[in-house]
Amino acid sequence: MKDYLEYKGYYGTVEYSAEDDILYGRIIGLRRSSITYEGSGLKELKQDFRDAVNDYISSFDDPSKIEKPCKGTFNVRIGPELHVKAVLKARENSQTLNTFVKEAIRKQAVDL
């Protein structure tokens, strides 16, 4: 069971507020924008999510300025000790650190 929404390459969370008795969420993977949506039920939430994505895309005059989620690069802060261990393990495997990390993530994300 997946607990996220997907539309046009954008992904959004699905959460519940008991206080407000609504479903809500936000588009994940965007660094420069915070886009939220809500609905009283799942059908309404999905529609508001799609509308939010469409509104976001249509708000740009220049399509090249539209931020795509998860562009493929990110910084990870792991601390110096773990960093050294990762570099040494990558070297032991005749890999770059980037390849080592990518393969580790791929192994964990296989079920997504």
PDB file of N, CA and C in Angstrom:
ATOM      1  N   MET A   1       0.839  -1.179   0.000  1.00  0.00           N
ATOM      2  CA  MET A   1       0.000   0.000   0.000  1.00  0.00           C
ATOM      3  C   MET A   1       0.887   1.246   0.000  1.00  0.00           C
ATOM      4  N   LYS A   2       0.627   2.134  -0.901  1.00  0.00           N
ATOM      5  CA  LYS A   2       1.390   3.371  -0.909  1.00  0.00           C
ATOM      6  C   LYS A   2       0.602   4.462  -0.198  1.00  0.00           C
ATOM      7  N   ASP A   3       1.318   5.319   0.492  1.00  0.00           N
ATOM      8  CA  ASP A   3       0.645   6.381   1.238  1.00  0.00           C
ATOM      9  C   ASP A   3       1.059   7.746   0.713  1.00  0.00           C
ATOM     10  N   TYR A   4       1.133   7.835  -0.606  1.00  0.00           N
ATOM     11  CA  TYR A   4       1.444   9.098  -1.252  1.00  0.00           C
ATOM     12  C   TYR A   4       0.657   9.184  -2.556  1.00  0.00           C
ATOM     13  N   LEU A   5       0.547  10.383  -3.073  1.00  0.00           N
ATOM     14  CA  LEU A   5      -0.141  10.625  -4.335  1.00  0.00           C
ATOM     15  C   LEU A   5       0.896  10.931  -5.409  1.00  0.00           C
ATOM     16  N   GLU A   6       0.592  10.620  -6.656  1.00  0.00           N
ATOM     17  CA  GLU A   6       1.502  10.916  -7.769  1.00  0.00           C
ATOM     18  C   GLU A   6       0.692  11.481  -8.924  1.00  0.00           C
ATOM     19  N   TYR A   7       1.215  12.553  -9.515  1.00  0.00           N
ATOM     20  CA  TYR A   7       0.558  13.181 -10.662  1.00  0.00           C
ATOM     21  C   TYR A   7       1.594  14.009 -11.406  1.00  0.00           C
ATOM     22  N   LYS A   8       1.746  13.739 -12.684  1.00  0.00           N
ATOM     23  CA  LYS A   8       2.669  14.479 -13.549  1.00  0.00           C
ATOM     24  C   LYS A   8       4.099  14.526 -12.998  1.00  0.00           C
ATOM     25  N   GLY A   9       4.522  13.457 -12.349  1.00  0.00           N
ATOM     26  CA  GLY A   9       5.872  13.393 -11.810  1.00  0.00           C
ATOM     27  C   GLY A   9       6.058  14.077 -10.472  1.00  0.00           C
ATOM     28  N   TYR A  10       4.983  14.557  -9.874  1.00  0.00           N
ATOM     29  CA  TYR A  10       5.030  15.170  -8.548  1.00  0.00           C
ATOM     30  C   TYR A  10       4.436  14.190  -7.550  1.00  0.00           C
ATOM     31  N   TYR A  11       4.982  14.183  -6.350  1.00  0.00           N
ATOM     32  CA  TYR A  11       4.527  13.273  -5.300  1.00  0.00           C
ATOM     33  C   TYR A  11       4.063  14.082  -4.098  1.00  0.00           C
ATOM     34  N   GLY A  12       3.015  13.617  -3.471  1.00  0.00           N
ATOM     35  CA  GLY A  12       2.465  14.330  -2.328  1.00  0.00           C
ATOM     36  C   GLY A  12       2.123  13.402  -1.187  1.00  0.00           C
ATOM     37  N   THR A  13       2.200  13.943   0.010  1.00  0.00           N
ATOM     38  CA  THR A  13       1.888  13.175   1.209  1.00  0.00           C
ATOM     39  C   THR A  13       0.380  13.088   1.407  1.00  0.00           C
ATOM     40  N   VAL A  14      -0.028  12.128   2.215  1.00  0.00           N
ATOM     41  CA  VAL A  14      -1.421  11.985   2.633  1.00  0.00           C
ATOM     42  C   VAL A  14      -1.403  11.907   4.153  1.00  0.00           C
ATOM     43  N   GLU A  15      -1.998  12.905   4.799  1.00  0.00           N
ATOM     44  CA  GLU A  15      -2.007  12.956   6.260  1.00  0.00           C
ATOM     45  C   GLU A  15      -3.420  13.279   6.736  1.00  0.00           C
ATOM     46  N   TYR A  16      -3.650  13.030   8.012  1.00  0.00           N
ATOM     47  CA  TYR A  16      -4.963  13.268   8.586  1.00  0.00           C
ATOM     48  C   TYR A  16      -4.847  14.176   9.804  1.00  0.00           C
ATOM     49  N   SER A  17      -5.717  15.162   9.879  1.00  0.00           N
ATOM     50  CA  SER A  17      -5.796  16.027  11.056  1.00  0.00           C
ATOM     51  C   SER A  17      -7.074  15.674  11.812  1.00  0.00           C
ATOM     52  N   ALA A  18      -6.907  15.052  12.990  1.00  0.00           N
ATOM     53  CA  ALA A  18      -8.066  14.711  13.815  1.00  0.00           C
ATOM     54  C   ALA A  18      -8.743  15.976  14.336  1.00  0.00           C
ATOM     55  N   GLU A  19      -7.930  16.986  14.615  1.00  0.00           N
ATOM     56  CA  GLU A  19      -8.467  18.245  15.140  1.00  0.00           C
ATOM     57  C   GLU A  19      -9.419  18.913  14.141  1.00  0.00           C
ATOM     58  N   ASP A  20      -9.019  18.917  12.860  1.00  0.00           N
ATOM     59  CA  ASP A  20      -9.833  19.555  11.825  1.00  0.00           C
ATOM     60  C   ASP A  20     -10.704  18.562  11.066  1.00  0.00           C
ATOM     61  N   ASP A  21     -10.498  17.266  11.296  1.00  0.00           N
ATOM     62  CA  ASP A  21     -11.217  16.196  10.602  1.00  0.00           C
ATOM     63  C   ASP A  21     -11.111  16.328   9.083  1.00  0.00           C
ATOM     64  N   ILE A  22      -9.867  16.542   8.607  1.00  0.00           N
ATOM     65  CA  ILE A  22      -9.620  16.630   7.168  1.00  0.00           C
ATOM     66  C   ILE A  22      -8.361  15.848   6.812  1.00  0.00           C
ATOM     67  N   LEU A  23      -8.270  15.503   5.551  1.00  0.00           N
ATOM     68  CA  LEU A  23      -7.042  14.968   4.988  1.00  0.00           C
ATOM     69  C   LEU A  23      -6.281  16.140   4.400  1.00  0.00           C
ATOM     70  N   TYR A  24      -4.968  16.087   4.449  1.00  0.00           N
ATOM     71  CA  TYR A  24      -4.160  17.162   3.884  1.00  0.00           C
ATOM     72  C   TYR A  24      -2.814  16.593   3.462  1.00  0.00           C
ATOM     73  N   GLY A  25      -2.059  17.373   2.754  1.00  0.00           N
ATOM     74  CA  GLY A  25      -0.727  16.936   2.350  1.00  0.00           C
ATOM     75  C   GLY A  25       0.047  18.072   1.728  1.00  0.00           C
ATOM     76  N   ARG A  26       1.274  17.741   1.344  1.00  0.00           N
ATOM     77  CA  ARG A  26       2.112  18.707   0.650  1.00  0.00           C
ATOM     78  C   ARG A  26       2.942  17.979  -0.383  1.00  0.00           C
ATOM     79  N   ILE A  27       3.294  18.680  -1.419  1.00  0.00           N
ATOM     80  CA  ILE A  27       4.140  18.112  -2.469  1.00  0.00           C
ATOM     81  C   ILE A  27       5.552  17.994  -1.912  1.00  0.00           C
ATOM     82  N   ILE A  28       6.151  16.834  -2.092  1.00  0.00           N
ATOM     83  CA  ILE A  28       7.485  16.589  -1.562  1.00  0.00           C
ATOM     84  C   ILE A  28       8.542  16.720  -2.661  1.00  0.00           C
ATOM     85  N   GLY A  29       9.741  17.066  -2.244  1.00  0.00           N
ATOM     86  CA  GLY A  29      10.869  17.111  -3.166  1.00  0.00           C
ATOM     87  C   GLY A  29      11.120  18.459  -3.804  1.00  0.00           C
ATOM     88  N   LEU A  30      10.363  19.493  -3.438  1.00  0.00           N
ATOM     89  CA  LEU A  30      10.593  20.831  -3.974  1.00  0.00           C
ATOM     90  C   LEU A  30      11.382  21.637  -2.945  1.00  0.00           C
ATOM     91  N   ARG A  31      12.415  22.329  -3.388  1.00  0.00           N
ATOM     92  CA  ARG A  31      13.236  23.108  -2.467  1.00  0.00           C
ATOM     93  C   ARG A  31      12.775  24.560  -2.366  1.00  0.00           C
ATOM     94  N   ARG A  32      12.261  25.109  -3.451  1.00  0.00           N
ATOM     95  CA  ARG A  32      11.932  26.538  -3.471  1.00  0.00           C
ATOM     96  C   ARG A  32      10.457  26.825  -3.234  1.00  0.00           C
ATOM     97  N   SER A  33       9.628  25.820  -3.221  1.00  0.00           N
ATOM     98  CA  SER A  33       8.188  26.037  -3.089  1.00  0.00           C
ATOM     99  C   SER A  33       7.597  25.116  -2.033  1.00  0.00           C
ATOM    100  N   SER A  34       6.553  25.597  -1.378  1.00  0.00           N
ATOM    101  CA  SER A  34       5.802  24.785  -0.436  1.00  0.00           C
ATOM    102  C   SER A  34       4.355  24.760  -0.914  1.00  0.00           C
ATOM    103  N   ILE A  35       3.931  23.620  -1.407  1.00  0.00           N
ATOM    104  CA  ILE A  35       2.606  23.498  -2.003  1.00  0.00           C
ATOM    105  C   ILE A  35       1.797  22.499  -1.185  1.00  0.00           C
ATOM    106  N   THR A  36       0.646  22.959  -0.686  1.00  0.00           N
ATOM    107  CA  THR A  36      -0.209  22.122   0.138  1.00  0.00           C
ATOM    108  C   THR A  36      -1.578  21.950  -0.511  1.00  0.00           C
ATOM    109  N   TYR A  37      -2.321  20.982  -0.010  1.00  0.00           N
ATOM    110  CA  TYR A  37      -3.669  20.692  -0.518  1.00  0.00           C
ATOM    111  C   TYR A  37      -4.430  19.997   0.601  1.00  0.00           C
ATOM    112  N   GLU A  38      -5.747  19.958   0.475  1.00  0.00           N
ATOM    113  CA  GLU A  38      -6.555  19.307   1.502  1.00  0.00           C
ATOM    114  C   GLU A  38      -7.880  18.857   0.929  1.00  0.00           C
ATOM    115  N   GLY A  39      -8.574  18.034   1.683  1.00  0.00           N
ATOM    116  CA  GLY A  39      -9.888  17.566   1.274  1.00  0.00           C
ATOM    117  C   GLY A  39     -10.602  16.899   2.424  1.00  0.00           C
ATOM    118  N   SER A  40     -11.922  16.901   2.360  1.00  0.00           N
ATOM    119  CA  SER A  40     -12.702  16.264   3.423  1.00  0.00           C
ATOM    120  C   SER A  40     -12.721  14.751   3.265  1.00  0.00           C
ATOM    121  N   GLY A  41     -12.372  14.261   2.106  1.00  0.00           N
ATOM    122  CA  GLY A  41     -12.296  12.824   1.834  1.00  0.00           C
ATOM    123  C   GLY A  41     -11.186  12.561   0.832  1.00  0.00           C
ATOM    124  N   LEU A  42     -10.923  11.303   0.553  1.00  0.00           N
ATOM    125  CA  LEU A  42      -9.829  10.938  -0.338  1.00  0.00           C
ATOM    126  C   LEU A  42     -10.041  11.449  -1.759  1.00  0.00           C
ATOM    127  N   LYS A  43     -11.257  11.353  -2.259  1.00  0.00           N
ATOM    128  CA  LYS A  43     -11.544  11.834  -3.610  1.00  0.00           C
ATOM    129  C   LYS A  43     -11.254  13.333  -3.717  1.00  0.00           C
ATOM    130  N   GLU A  44     -11.709  14.091  -2.747  1.00  0.00           N
ATOM    131  CA  GLU A  44     -11.490  15.545  -2.743  1.00  0.00           C
ATOM    132  C   GLU A  44     -10.001  15.872  -2.574  1.00  0.00           C
ATOM    133  N   LEU A  45      -9.307  15.096  -1.726  1.00  0.00           N
ATOM    134  CA  LEU A  45      -7.873  15.311  -1.528  1.00  0.00           C
ATOM    135  C   LEU A  45      -7.114  15.090  -2.828  1.00  0.00           C
ATOM    136  N   LYS A  46      -7.424  14.001  -3.534  1.00  0.00           N
ATOM    137  CA  LYS A  46      -6.744  13.708  -4.809  1.00  0.00           C
ATOM    138  C   LYS A  46      -6.993  14.824  -5.822  1.00  0.00           C
ATOM    139  N   GLN A  47      -8.218  15.311  -5.887  1.00  0.00           N
ATOM    140  CA  GLN A  47      -8.528  16.385  -6.834  1.00  0.00           C
ATOM    141  C   GLN A  47      -7.791  17.664  -6.473  1.00  0.00           C
ATOM    142  N   ASP A  48      -7.751  18.010  -5.197  1.00  0.00           N
ATOM    143  CA  ASP A  48      -7.056  19.224  -4.776  1.00  0.00           C
ATOM    144  C   ASP A  48      -5.554  19.091  -5.024  1.00  0.00           C
ATOM    145  N   PHE A  49      -5.001  17.884  -4.869  1.00  0.00           N
ATOM    146  CA  PHE A  49      -3.595  17.629  -5.180  1.00  0.00           C
ATOM    147  C   PHE A  49      -3.332  17.877  -6.665  1.00  0.00           C
ATOM    148  N   ARG A  50      -4.163  17.295  -7.526  1.00  0.00           N
ATOM    149  CA  ARG A  50      -3.996  17.500  -8.979  1.00  0.00           C
ATOM    150  C   ARG A  50      -4.145  18.980  -9.341  1.00  0.00           C
ATOM    151  N   ASP A  51      -5.115  19.647  -8.741  1.00  0.00           N
ATOM    152  CA  ASP A  51      -5.300  21.079  -8.993  1.00  0.00           C
ATOM    153  C   ASP A  51      -4.079  21.877  -8.534  1.00  0.00           C
ATOM    154  N   ALA A  52      -3.505  21.506  -7.393  1.00  0.00           N
ATOM    155  CA  ALA A  52      -2.320  22.205  -6.877  1.00  0.00           C
ATOM    156  C   ALA A  52      -1.134  22.037  -7.832  1.00  0.00           C
ATOM    157  N   VAL A  53      -0.951  20.831  -8.347  1.00  0.00           N
ATOM    158  CA  VAL A  53       0.130  20.593  -9.316  1.00  0.00           C
ATOM    159  C   VAL A  53      -0.112  21.410 -10.576  1.00  0.00           C
ATOM    160  N   ASN A  54      -1.318  21.356 -11.096  1.00  0.00           N
ATOM    161  CA  ASN A  54      -1.634  22.109 -12.318  1.00  0.00           C
ATOM    162  C   ASN A  54      -1.466  23.611 -12.104  1.00  0.00           C
ATOM    163  N   ASP A  55      -1.920  24.126 -10.956  1.00  0.00           N
ATOM    164  CA  ASP A  55      -1.765  25.556 -10.657  1.00  0.00           C
ATOM    165  C   ASP A  55      -0.294  25.934 -10.567  1.00  0.00           C
ATOM    166  N   TYR A  56       0.493  25.081  -9.930  1.00  0.00           N
ATOM    167  CA  TYR A  56       1.929  25.343  -9.805  1.00  0.00           C
ATOM    168  C   TYR A  56       2.579  25.420 -11.186  1.00  0.00           C
ATOM    169  N   ILE A  57       2.307  24.449 -12.020  1.00  0.00           N
ATOM    170  CA  ILE A  57       2.911  24.412 -13.363  1.00  0.00           C
ATOM    171  C   ILE A  57       2.467  25.609 -14.182  1.00  0.00           C
ATOM    172  N   SER A  58       1.178  25.947 -14.120  1.00  0.00           N
ATOM    173  CA  SER A  58       0.664  27.049 -14.942  1.00  0.00           C
ATOM    174  C   SER A  58       1.075  28.427 -14.420  1.00  0.00           C
ATOM    175  N   SER A  59       1.652  28.494 -13.222  1.00  0.00           N
ATOM    176  CA  SER A  59       2.072  29.787 -12.670  1.00  0.00           C
ATOM    177  C   SER A  59       3.380  30.295 -13.288  1.00  0.00           C
ATOM    178  N   PHE A  60       4.015  29.490 -14.125  1.00  0.00           N
ATOM    179  CA  PHE A  60       5.279  29.869 -14.747  1.00  0.00           C
ATOM    180  C   PHE A  60       5.079  30.242 -16.205  1.00  0.00           C
ATOM    181  N   ASP A  61       5.619  31.406 -16.588  1.00  0.00           N
ATOM    182  CA  ASP A  61       5.602  31.804 -17.994  1.00  0.00           C
ATOM    183  C   ASP A  61       6.652  31.030 -18.782  1.00  0.00           C
ATOM    184  N   ASP A  62       7.768  30.721 -18.121  1.00  0.00           N
ATOM    185  CA  ASP A  62       8.878  30.020 -18.746  1.00  0.00           C
ATOM    186  C   ASP A  62       8.928  28.598 -18.188  1.00  0.00           C
ATOM    187  N   PRO A  63       8.590  27.598 -19.006  1.00  0.00           N
ATOM    188  CA  PRO A  63       8.574  26.211 -18.518  1.00  0.00           C
ATOM    189  C   PRO A  63       9.915  25.731 -17.961  1.00  0.00           C
ATOM    190  N   SER A  64      11.011  26.322 -18.385  1.00  0.00           N
ATOM    191  CA  SER A  64      12.321  25.891 -17.888  1.00  0.00           C
ATOM    192  C   SER A  64      12.531  26.298 -16.427  1.00  0.00           C
ATOM    193  N   LYS A  65      11.703  27.191 -15.909  1.00  0.00           N
ATOM    194  CA  LYS A  65      11.818  27.648 -14.524  1.00  0.00           C
ATOM    195  C   LYS A  65      11.036  26.773 -13.544  1.00  0.00           C
ATOM    196  N   ILE A  66      10.208  25.862 -14.058  1.00  0.00           N
ATOM    197  CA  ILE A  66       9.405  24.996 -13.195  1.00  0.00           C
ATOM    198  C   ILE A  66      10.328  24.017 -12.478  1.00  0.00           C
ATOM    199  N   GLU A  67      10.248  24.018 -11.159  1.00  0.00           N
ATOM    200  CA  GLU A  67      11.074  23.113 -10.375  1.00  0.00           C
ATOM    201  C   GLU A  67      10.477  21.711 -10.394  1.00  0.00           C
ATOM    202  N   LYS A  68      11.287  20.772 -10.800  1.00  0.00           N
ATOM    203  CA  LYS A  68      10.881  19.376 -10.764  1.00  0.00           C
ATOM    204  C   LYS A  68      11.320  18.784  -9.431  1.00  0.00           C
ATOM    205  N   PRO A  69      10.515  17.900  -8.868  1.00  0.00           N
ATOM    206  CA  PRO A  69      10.906  17.305  -7.591  1.00  0.00           C
ATOM    207  C   PRO A  69      12.054  16.324  -7.771  1.00  0.00           C
ATOM    208  N   CYS A  70      12.880  16.247  -6.766  1.00  0.00           N
ATOM    209  CA  CYS A  70      13.944  15.243  -6.716  1.00  0.00           C
ATOM    210  C   CYS A  70      14.775  15.231  -7.988  1.00  0.00           C
ATOM    211  N   LYS A  71      15.546  16.294  -8.171  1.00  0.00           N
ATOM    212  CA  LYS A  71      16.321  16.459  -9.405  1.00  0.00           C
ATOM    213  C   LYS A  71      17.456  15.462  -9.563  1.00  0.00           C
ATOM    214  N   GLY A  72      17.760  14.678  -8.502  1.00  0.00           N
ATOM    215  CA  GLY A  72      18.777  13.640  -8.622  1.00  0.00           C
ATOM    216  C   GLY A  72      20.061  13.929  -7.867  1.00  0.00           C
ATOM    217  N   THR A  73      20.154  15.086  -7.266  1.00  0.00           N
ATOM    218  CA  THR A  73      21.312  15.399  -6.435  1.00  0.00           C
ATOM    219  C   THR A  73      20.823  15.933  -5.098  1.00  0.00           C
ATOM    220  N   PHE A  74      21.565  15.610  -4.028  1.00  0.00           N
ATOM    221  CA  PHE A  74      21.235  16.130  -2.711  1.00  0.00           C
ATOM    222  C   PHE A  74      22.444  16.001  -1.805  1.00  0.00           C
ATOM    223  N   ASN A  75      22.476  16.798  -0.768  1.00  0.00           N
ATOM    224  CA  ASN A  75      23.544  16.738   0.225  1.00  0.00           C
ATOM    225  C   ASN A  75      23.068  15.903   1.407  1.00  0.00           C
ATOM    226  N   VAL A  76      23.984  15.100   1.932  1.00  0.00           N
ATOM    227  CA  VAL A  76      23.672  14.275   3.092  1.00  0.00           C
ATOM    228  C   VAL A  76      24.706  14.570   4.166  1.00  0.00           C
ATOM    229  N   ARG A  77      24.241  14.897   5.354  1.00  0.00           N
ATOM    230  CA  ARG A  77      25.146  15.142   6.473  1.00  0.00           C
ATOM    231  C   ARG A  77      25.182  13.895   7.335  1.00  0.00           C
ATOM    232  N   ILE A  78      26.337  13.232   7.354  1.00  0.00           N
ATOM    233  CA  ILE A  78      26.437  11.956   8.063  1.00  0.00           C
ATOM    234  C   ILE A  78      27.490  11.967   9.166  1.00  0.00           C
ATOM    235  N   GLY A  79      28.207  13.045   9.324  1.00  0.00           N
ATOM    236  CA  GLY A  79      29.262  13.125  10.328  1.00  0.00           C
ATOM    237  C   GLY A  79      30.576  12.578   9.797  1.00  0.00           C
ATOM    238  N   PRO A  80      31.677  13.090  10.305  1.00  0.00           N
ATOM    239  CA  PRO A  80      33.003  12.711   9.792  1.00  0.00           C
ATOM    240  C   PRO A  80      33.350  11.230   9.951  1.00  0.00           C
ATOM    241  N   GLU A  81      32.965  10.602  11.066  1.00  0.00           N
ATOM    242  CA  GLU A  81      33.319   9.195  11.282  1.00  0.00           C
ATOM    243  C   GLU A  81      32.653   8.276  10.262  1.00  0.00           C
ATOM    244  N   LEU A  82      31.362   8.471  10.041  1.00  0.00           N
ATOM    245  CA  LEU A  82      30.655   7.649   9.061  1.00  0.00           C
ATOM    246  C   LEU A  82      31.132   7.969   7.649  1.00  0.00           C
ATOM    247  N   HIS A  83      31.461   9.221   7.390  1.00  0.00           N
ATOM    248  CA  HIS A  83      31.973   9.636   6.086  1.00  0.00           C
ATOM    249  C   HIS A  83      33.259   8.863   5.763  1.00  0.00           C
ATOM    250  N   VAL A  84      34.185   8.812   6.711  1.00  0.00           N
ATOM    251  CA  VAL A  84      35.444   8.083   6.505  1.00  0.00           C
ATOM    252  C   VAL A  84      35.170   6.607   6.257  1.00  0.00           C
ATOM    253  N   LYS A  85      34.281   6.016   7.055  1.00  0.00           N
ATOM    254  CA  LYS A  85      33.955   4.593   6.870  1.00  0.00           C
ATOM    255  C   LYS A  85      33.382   4.331   5.482  1.00  0.00           C
ATOM    256  N   ALA A  86      32.522   5.226   5.017  1.00  0.00           N
ATOM    257  CA  ALA A  86      31.928   5.062   3.693  1.00  0.00           C
ATOM    258  C   ALA A  86      32.985   5.179   2.600  1.00  0.00           C
ATOM    259  N   VAL A  87      33.890   6.145   2.733  1.00  0.00           N
ATOM    260  CA  VAL A  87      34.964   6.318   1.744  1.00  0.00           C
ATOM    261  C   VAL A  87      35.840   5.063   1.708  1.00  0.00           C
ATOM    262  N   LEU A  88      36.196   4.552   2.867  1.00  0.00           N
ATOM    263  CA  LEU A  88      37.053   3.363   2.920  1.00  0.00           C
ATOM    264  C   LEU A  88      36.352   2.138   2.342  1.00  0.00           C
ATOM    265  N   LYS A  89      35.089   1.966   2.661  1.00  0.00           N
ATOM    266  CA  LYS A  89      34.330   0.823   2.135  1.00  0.00           C
ATOM    267  C   LYS A  89      34.173   0.935   0.622  1.00  0.00           C
ATOM    268  N   ALA A  90      33.904   2.147   0.137  1.00  0.00           N
ATOM    269  CA  ALA A  90      33.795   2.357  -1.306  1.00  0.00           C
ATOM    270  C   ALA A  90      35.117   2.010  -1.991  1.00  0.00           C
ATOM    271  N   ARG A  91      36.201   2.466  -1.417  1.00  0.00           N
ATOM    272  CA  ARG A  91      37.530   2.181  -1.989  1.00  0.00           C
ATOM    273  C   ARG A  91      37.800   0.674  -1.974  1.00  0.00           C
ATOM    274  N   GLU A  92      37.426   0.020  -0.874  1.00  0.00           N
ATOM    275  CA  GLU A  92      37.591  -1.436  -0.758  1.00  0.00           C
ATOM    276  C   GLU A  92      36.851  -2.161  -1.884  1.00  0.00           C
ATOM    277  N   ASN A  93      35.707  -1.598  -2.282  1.00  0.00           N
ATOM    278  CA  ASN A  93      34.892  -2.181  -3.356  1.00  0.00           C
ATOM    279  C   ASN A  93      35.239  -1.634  -4.735  1.00  0.00           C
ATOM    280  N   SER A  94      36.337  -0.864  -4.825  1.00  0.00           N
ATOM    281  CA  SER A  94      36.760  -0.231  -6.086  1.00  0.00           C
ATOM    282  C   SER A  94      35.659   0.641  -6.674  1.00  0.00           C
ATOM    283  N   GLN A  95      34.990   1.397  -5.800  1.00  0.00           N
ATOM    284  CA  GLN A  95      33.895   2.272  -6.213  1.00  0.00           C
ATOM    285  C   GLN A  95      34.201   3.709  -5.810  1.00  0.00           C
ATOM    286  N   THR A  96      33.515   4.622  -6.487  1.00  0.00           N
ATOM    287  CA  THR A  96      33.517   6.002  -6.007  1.00  0.00           C
ATOM    288  C   THR A  96      32.542   6.077  -4.836  1.00  0.00           C
ATOM    289  N   LEU A  97      32.675   7.101  -4.032  1.00  0.00           N
ATOM    290  CA  LEU A  97      31.737   7.288  -2.927  1.00  0.00           C
ATOM    291  C   LEU A  97      30.321   7.466  -3.467  1.00  0.00           C
ATOM    292  N   ASN A  98      30.186   8.181  -4.566  1.00  0.00           N
ATOM    293  CA  ASN A  98      28.867   8.399  -5.171  1.00  0.00           C
ATOM    294  C   ASN A  98      28.221   7.063  -5.549  1.00  0.00           C
ATOM    295  N   THR A  99      28.966   6.185  -6.190  1.00  0.00           N
ATOM    296  CA  THR A  99      28.430   4.880  -6.592  1.00  0.00           C
ATOM    297  C   THR A  99      28.066   4.043  -5.372  1.00  0.00           C
ATOM    298  N   PHE A 100      28.922   4.073  -4.349  1.00  0.00           N
ATOM    299  CA  PHE A 100      28.667   3.335  -3.117  1.00  0.00           C
ATOM    300  C   PHE A 100      27.345   3.776  -2.482  1.00  0.00           C
ATOM    301  N   VAL A 101      27.154   5.077  -2.359  1.00  0.00           N
ATOM    302  CA  VAL A 101      25.935   5.618  -1.745  1.00  0.00           C
ATOM    303  C   VAL A 101      24.719   5.320  -2.616  1.00  0.00           C
ATOM    304  N   LYS A 102      24.872   5.481  -3.925  1.00  0.00           N
ATOM    305  CA  LYS A 102      23.752   5.219  -4.837  1.00  0.00           C
ATOM    306  C   LYS A 102      23.293   3.761  -4.733  1.00  0.00           C
ATOM    307  N   GLU A 103      24.233   2.834  -4.678  1.00  0.00           N
ATOM    308  CA  GLU A 103      23.874   1.419  -4.563  1.00  0.00           C
ATOM    309  C   GLU A 103      23.229   1.112  -3.210  1.00  0.00           C
ATOM    310  N   ALA A 104      23.713   1.737  -2.144  1.00  0.00           N
ATOM    311  CA  ALA A 104      23.111   1.537  -0.823  1.00  0.00           C
ATOM    312  C   ALA A 104      21.667   2.026  -0.808  1.00  0.00           C
ATOM    313  N   ILE A 105      21.429   3.169  -1.394  1.00  0.00           N
ATOM    314  CA  ILE A 105      20.059   3.709  -1.460  1.00  0.00           C
ATOM    315  C   ILE A 105      19.185   2.835  -2.343  1.00  0.00           C
ATOM    316  N   ARG A 106      19.720   2.396  -3.483  1.00  0.00           N
ATOM    317  CA  ARG A 106      18.957   1.550  -4.393  1.00  0.00           C
ATOM    318  C   ARG A 106      18.501   0.268  -3.685  1.00  0.00           C
ATOM    319  N   LYS A 107      19.371  -0.328  -2.865  1.00  0.00           N
ATOM    320  CA  LYS A 107      19.020  -1.544  -2.139  1.00  0.00           C
ATOM    321  C   LYS A 107      17.858  -1.294  -1.168  1.00  0.00           C
ATOM    322  N   GLN A 108      17.836  -0.138  -0.526  1.00  0.00           N
ATOM    323  CA  GLN A 108      16.769   0.175   0.426  1.00  0.00           C
ATOM    324  C   GLN A 108      15.474   0.584  -0.259  1.00  0.00           C
ATOM    325  N   ALA A 109      15.567   1.144  -1.444  1.00  0.00           N
ATOM    326  CA  ALA A 109      14.389   1.682  -2.140  1.00  0.00           C
ATOM    327  C   ALA A 109      13.794   0.694  -3.129  1.00  0.00           C
ATOM    328  N   VAL A 110      14.254  -0.529  -3.145  1.00  0.00           N
ATOM    329  CA  VAL A 110      13.833  -1.501  -4.130  1.00  0.00           C
ATOM    330  C   VAL A 110      12.325  -1.765  -4.117  1.00  0.00           C
ATOM    331  N   ASP A 111      11.692  -1.636  -2.973  1.00  0.00           N
ATOM    332  CA  ASP A 111      10.263  -1.936  -2.866  1.00  0.00           C
ATOM    333  C   ASP A 111       9.362  -0.749  -3.174  1.00  0.00           C
ATOM    334  N   LEU A 112       9.924   0.403  -3.469  1.00  0.00           N
ATOM    335  CA  LEU A 112       9.081   1.578  -3.726  1.00  0.00           C
ATOM    336  C   LEU A 112       8.511   1.554  -5.121  1.00  0.00           C
TER     337      LEU A 112
END
